[in-house]
Amino acid sequence: MNMYVSNLSFHTNDEALKTLFAAFGNVSSAKVITDRESGQSRGFGFVEMDVVAEAQAAMKGLNNKEIEGRAMSVSVAKEKPARSDNKRW
C-alpha cells in the first residue's frame, strides 16, 4: 500500500521517514519529496508497505502524530492520473 505523508518537518529525510513507519512493519520504500533546484524538502513524501494490515496500522498510529513540532498527516496515496497529451516538459 502506498501512503501519502504530509506536513513533515523540513529536516525529515528518507531514512527518518522509513524509521518512523518501520515500527509498524516492513517498509519497502520511503521518499521525502525535495525541490529540484534547492534540494530542500517540500514537506511531504510517500511510504510504501507491502502488507496492507501493517500499512493501515501505521496510518492509524502516525496520522496527526507530532514530529519535530508538526502534526503529520498520513493517508492512502492517490494514483497520479495518466497524461493524455503525451507532452513532456
C-alpha atoms as a PDB file:
ATOM      1  CA  MET A   1       0.000   0.000   0.000  1.00  0.00           C
ATOM      2  CA  ASN A   2       1.327   3.413  -0.974  1.00  0.00           C
ATOM      3  CA  MET A   3       0.756   6.212   1.549  1.00  0.00           C
ATOM      4  CA  TYR A   4       0.988   9.973   1.235  1.00  0.00           C
ATOM      5  CA  VAL A   5       2.596  11.693   4.224  1.00  0.00           C
ATOM      6  CA  SER A   6       2.256  15.465   4.536  1.00  0.00           C
ATOM      7  CA  ASN A   7       3.136  18.255   6.954  1.00  0.00           C
ATOM      8  CA  LEU A   8       6.593  16.792   7.547  1.00  0.00           C
ATOM      9  CA  SER A   9       9.333  18.776   9.199  1.00  0.00           C
ATOM     10  CA  PHE A  10      11.722  20.164   6.600  1.00  0.00           C
ATOM     11  CA  HIS A  11      14.504  18.295   8.447  1.00  0.00           C
ATOM     12  CA  THR A  12      12.911  14.872   7.898  1.00  0.00           C
ATOM     13  CA  ASN A  13      14.853  12.755   5.393  1.00  0.00           C
ATOM     14  CA  ASP A  14      14.121   9.412   3.689  1.00  0.00           C
ATOM     15  CA  GLU A  15      15.797   7.354   6.421  1.00  0.00           C
ATOM     16  CA  ALA A  16      13.945   9.118   9.261  1.00  0.00           C
ATOM     17  CA  LEU A  17      10.638   8.622   7.457  1.00  0.00           C
ATOM     18  CA  LYS A  18      11.398   4.935   6.935  1.00  0.00           C
ATOM     19  CA  THR A  19      12.318   4.507  10.601  1.00  0.00           C
ATOM     20  CA  LEU A  20       9.009   6.051  11.747  1.00  0.00           C
ATOM     21  CA  PHE A  21       6.964   3.610   9.677  1.00  0.00           C
ATOM     22  CA  ALA A  22       9.200   0.585  10.325  1.00  0.00           C
ATOM     23  CA  ALA A  23       7.805   0.421  13.865  1.00  0.00           C
ATOM     24  CA  PHE A  24       4.607  -0.909  12.230  1.00  0.00           C
ATOM     25  CA  GLY A  25       6.136  -3.388   9.776  1.00  0.00           C
ATOM     26  CA  ASN A  26       8.334  -3.784   6.711  1.00  0.00           C
ATOM     27  CA  VAL A  27       8.757  -0.595   4.680  1.00  0.00           C
ATOM     28  CA  SER A  28       9.516  -1.252   1.005  1.00  0.00           C
ATOM     29  CA  SER A  29      10.244   2.402   0.253  1.00  0.00           C
ATOM     30  CA  ALA A  30      10.188   5.826   1.889  1.00  0.00           C
ATOM     31  CA  LYS A  31      10.818   9.004  -0.077  1.00  0.00           C
ATOM     32  CA  VAL A  32      10.705  12.646   1.026  1.00  0.00           C
ATOM     33  CA  ILE A  33       9.994  14.863  -1.978  1.00  0.00           C
ATOM     34  CA  THR A  34      12.552  17.631  -2.486  1.00  0.00           C
ATOM     35  CA  ASP A  35      12.730  20.785  -4.564  1.00  0.00           C
ATOM     36  CA  ARG A  36      14.590  20.154  -7.834  1.00  0.00           C
ATOM     37  CA  GLU A  37      16.697  23.293  -7.635  1.00  0.00           C
ATOM     38  CA  SER A  38      17.482  23.685  -3.938  1.00  0.00           C
ATOM     39  CA  GLY A  39      17.270  20.066  -2.753  1.00  0.00           C
ATOM     40  CA  GLN A  40      15.196  21.320   0.209  1.00  0.00           C
ATOM     41  CA  SER A  41      12.370  19.115   1.475  1.00  0.00           C
ATOM     42  CA  ARG A  42       8.942  20.155   0.239  1.00  0.00           C
ATOM     43  CA  GLY A  43       7.349  18.871   3.473  1.00  0.00           C
ATOM     44  CA  PHE A  44       5.708  15.734   2.093  1.00  0.00           C
ATOM     45  CA  GLY A  45       6.600  12.266   0.923  1.00  0.00           C
ATOM     46  CA  PHE A  46       5.474   8.738   0.166  1.00  0.00           C
ATOM     47  CA  VAL A  47       5.866   5.477   2.066  1.00  0.00           C
ATOM     48  CA  GLU A  48       5.127   2.046   0.650  1.00  0.00           C
ATOM     49  CA  MET A  49       4.429  -1.036   2.742  1.00  0.00           C
ATOM     50  CA  ASP A  50       3.633  -4.448   1.211  1.00  0.00           C
ATOM     51  CA  VAL A  51       1.337  -5.722   3.972  1.00  0.00           C
ATOM     52  CA  VAL A  52      -1.964  -3.818   3.962  1.00  0.00           C
ATOM     53  CA  ALA A  53      -2.692  -4.511   7.658  1.00  0.00           C
ATOM     54  CA  GLU A  54       0.710  -3.070   8.632  1.00  0.00           C
ATOM     55  CA  ALA A  55       0.137   0.000   6.446  1.00  0.00           C
ATOM     56  CA  GLN A  56      -3.305   0.540   7.997  1.00  0.00           C
ATOM     57  CA  ALA A  57      -1.805   0.250  11.488  1.00  0.00           C
ATOM     58  CA  ALA A  58       0.876   2.782  10.525  1.00  0.00           C
ATOM     59  CA  MET A  59      -1.743   5.207   9.186  1.00  0.00           C
ATOM     60  CA  LYS A  60      -3.780   4.890  12.365  1.00  0.00           C
ATOM     61  CA  GLY A  61      -0.756   5.189  14.644  1.00  0.00           C
ATOM     62  CA  LEU A  62       1.030   8.021  12.845  1.00  0.00           C
ATOM     63  CA  ASN A  63      -1.769  10.222  11.479  1.00  0.00           C
ATOM     64  CA  ASN A  64      -1.749  13.524  13.418  1.00  0.00           C
ATOM     65  CA  LYS A  65       1.345  12.428  15.359  1.00  0.00           C
ATOM     66  CA  GLU A  66       3.549  15.382  16.199  1.00  0.00           C
ATOM     67  CA  ILE A  67       7.096  15.052  14.856  1.00  0.00           C
ATOM     68  CA  GLU A  68       9.508  17.953  15.348  1.00  0.00           C
ATOM     69  CA  GLY A  69       6.642  20.290  16.234  1.00  0.00           C
ATOM     70  CA  ARG A  70       4.437  19.403  13.247  1.00  0.00           C
ATOM     71  CA  ALA A  71       1.390  17.107  13.233  1.00  0.00           C
ATOM     72  CA  MET A  72       1.909  14.945  10.171  1.00  0.00           C
ATOM     73  CA  SER A  73      -0.955  13.646   8.093  1.00  0.00           C
ATOM     74  CA  VAL A  74      -0.957  10.105   6.665  1.00  0.00           C
ATOM     75  CA  SER A  75      -3.433   8.859   4.054  1.00  0.00           C
ATOM     76  CA  VAL A  76      -3.668   6.420   1.157  1.00  0.00           C
ATOM     77  CA  ALA A  77      -1.840   7.895  -1.831  1.00  0.00           C
ATOM     78  CA  LYS A  78      -3.923   8.619  -4.893  1.00  0.00           C
ATOM     79  CA  GLU A  79      -2.696   7.333  -8.236  1.00  0.00           C
ATOM     80  CA  LYS A  80      -1.220  10.006 -10.456  1.00  0.00           C
ATOM     81  CA  PRO A  81      -3.557  10.494 -13.428  1.00  0.00           C
ATOM     82  CA  ALA A  82      -2.149   9.486 -16.807  1.00  0.00           C
ATOM     83  CA  ARG A  83      -1.312  12.346 -19.126  1.00  0.00           C
ATOM     84  CA  SER A  84      -3.439  12.294 -22.241  1.00  0.00           C
ATOM     85  CA  ASP A  85      -1.471  14.793 -24.322  1.00  0.00           C
ATOM     86  CA  ASN A  86       1.816  12.845 -24.327  1.00  0.00           C
ATOM     87  CA  LYS A  87       3.757  16.090 -23.891  1.00  0.00           C
ATOM     88  CA  ARG A  88       6.871  16.230 -21.787  1.00  0.00           C
ATOM     89  CA  TRP A  89       8.047  19.473 -20.264  1.00  0.00           C
END
